Amino acid sequence: MSNNHLAVHDSLRSRLAAVNCVVLVDCIRKIRVEGLADNMIAGLFRHAADELESRTKTKDREVDSAA
């Protein structure tokens, strides 16, 4: 990949991350309004991250075995 292509890719990734952060912060605010404590919110996000990681690993293994 050319340096220009990498720069464009990094720029797009940065903009996507910024949008996702806004969505996550809004979600956390709404959860707080419902009365859930910060440590419980953190636990929910950790659990979601673990689930995402395990599904990604499973998907990667399926792709690897198909090759």
C-alpha atoms as a PDB file:
ATOM      1  CA  MET A   1       0.000   0.000   0.000  1.00  0.00           C
ATOM      2  CA  SER A   2       1.206   3.483  -0.760  1.00  0.00           C
ATOM      3  CA  ASN A   3       1.799   6.025   1.974  1.00  0.00           C
ATOM      4  CA  ASN A   4      -1.073   8.128   0.626  1.00  0.00           C
ATOM      5  CA  HIS A   5      -3.446   5.150   0.789  1.00  0.00           C
ATOM      6  CA  LEU A   6      -2.348   4.410   4.359  1.00  0.00           C
ATOM      7  CA  ALA A   7      -2.906   8.047   5.336  1.00  0.00           C
ATOM      8  CA  VAL A   8      -6.434   7.989   3.890  1.00  0.00           C
ATOM      9  CA  HIS A   9      -7.150   4.693   5.659  1.00  0.00           C
ATOM     10  CA  ASP A  10      -5.893   6.089   8.985  1.00  0.00           C
ATOM     11  CA  SER A  11      -7.984   9.238   8.513  1.00  0.00           C
ATOM     12  CA  LEU A  12     -11.127   7.204   7.874  1.00  0.00           C
ATOM     13  CA  ARG A  13     -10.396   4.997  10.869  1.00  0.00           C
ATOM     14  CA  SER A  14      -9.932   8.061  13.083  1.00  0.00           C
ATOM     15  CA  ARG A  15     -13.223   9.601  11.947  1.00  0.00           C
ATOM     16  CA  LEU A  16     -15.062   6.327  12.499  1.00  0.00           C
ATOM     17  CA  ALA A  17     -13.570   5.998  15.982  1.00  0.00           C
ATOM     18  CA  ALA A  18     -14.668   9.545  16.824  1.00  0.00           C
ATOM     19  CA  VAL A  19     -18.259   8.806  15.774  1.00  0.00           C
ATOM     20  CA  ASN A  20     -18.278   5.536  17.694  1.00  0.00           C
ATOM     21  CA  CYS A  21     -16.994   7.299  20.813  1.00  0.00           C
ATOM     22  CA  VAL A  22     -19.850   9.801  20.639  1.00  0.00           C
ATOM     23  CA  VAL A  23     -22.328   6.922  20.363  1.00  0.00           C
ATOM     24  CA  LEU A  24     -20.748   5.095  23.311  1.00  0.00           C
ATOM     25  CA  VAL A  25     -20.699   8.198  25.498  1.00  0.00           C
ATOM     26  CA  ASP A  26     -24.366   8.829  24.699  1.00  0.00           C
ATOM     27  CA  CYS A  27     -25.163   5.214  25.562  1.00  0.00           C
ATOM     28  CA  ILE A  28     -23.331   5.488  28.896  1.00  0.00           C
ATOM     29  CA  ARG A  29     -25.198   8.702  29.746  1.00  0.00           C
ATOM     30  CA  LYS A  30     -28.544   7.020  29.057  1.00  0.00           C
ATOM     31  CA  ILE A  31     -27.574   4.008  31.193  1.00  0.00           C
ATOM     32  CA  ARG A  32     -26.602   6.357  34.054  1.00  0.00           C
ATOM     33  CA  VAL A  33     -29.966   8.097  33.808  1.00  0.00           C
ATOM     34  CA  GLU A  34     -31.575   4.689  34.321  1.00  0.00           C
ATOM     35  CA  GLY A  35     -29.644   4.438  37.599  1.00  0.00           C
ATOM     36  CA  LEU A  36     -26.929   1.882  36.829  1.00  0.00           C
ATOM     37  CA  ALA A  37     -23.665   2.486  38.716  1.00  0.00           C
ATOM     38  CA  ASP A  38     -20.443   3.175  36.817  1.00  0.00           C
ATOM     39  CA  ASN A  39     -18.855  -0.099  37.946  1.00  0.00           C
ATOM     40  CA  MET A  40     -21.853  -2.018  36.568  1.00  0.00           C
ATOM     41  CA  ILE A  41     -21.643  -0.117  33.269  1.00  0.00           C
ATOM     42  CA  ALA A  42     -17.929  -0.923  33.046  1.00  0.00           C
ATOM     43  CA  GLY A  43     -18.718  -4.586  33.680  1.00  0.00           C
ATOM     44  CA  LEU A  44     -21.255  -4.603  30.862  1.00  0.00           C
ATOM     45  CA  PHE A  45     -18.751  -3.116  28.427  1.00  0.00           C
ATOM     46  CA  ARG A  46     -16.045  -5.600  29.521  1.00  0.00           C
ATOM     47  CA  HIS A  47     -18.468  -8.463  28.957  1.00  0.00           C
ATOM     48  CA  ALA A  48     -19.407  -7.093  25.530  1.00  0.00           C
ATOM     49  CA  ALA A  49     -15.729  -6.751  24.604  1.00  0.00           C
ATOM     50  CA  ASP A  50     -15.056 -10.349  25.677  1.00  0.00           C
ATOM     51  CA  GLU A  51     -17.996 -11.584  23.592  1.00  0.00           C
ATOM     52  CA  LEU A  52     -16.809  -9.614  20.577  1.00  0.00           C
ATOM     53  CA  GLU A  53     -13.278 -10.958  20.955  1.00  0.00           C
ATOM     54  CA  SER A  54     -14.427 -14.581  21.229  1.00  0.00           C
ATOM     55  CA  ARG A  55     -16.691 -14.244  18.179  1.00  0.00           C
ATOM     56  CA  THR A  56     -13.898 -12.597  16.201  1.00  0.00           C
ATOM     57  CA  LYS A  57     -11.514 -15.426  17.095  1.00  0.00           C
ATOM     58  CA  THR A  58     -14.113 -18.020  16.070  1.00  0.00           C
ATOM     59  CA  LYS A  59     -14.708 -16.207  12.779  1.00  0.00           C
ATOM     60  CA  ASP A  60     -10.955 -15.987  12.144  1.00  0.00           C
ATOM     61  CA  ARG A  61     -10.566 -19.737  12.724  1.00  0.00           C
ATOM     62  CA  GLU A  62     -13.389 -20.481  10.276  1.00  0.00           C
ATOM     63  CA  VAL A  63     -11.708 -18.295   7.659  1.00  0.00           C
ATOM     64  CA  ASP A  64      -8.302 -19.921   8.312  1.00  0.00           C
ATOM     65  CA  SER A  65      -9.659 -23.465   8.032  1.00  0.00           C
ATOM     66  CA  ALA A  66     -11.443 -22.636   4.759  1.00  0.00           C
ATOM     67  CA  ALA A  67      -8.171 -21.564   3.130  1.00  0.00           C
END
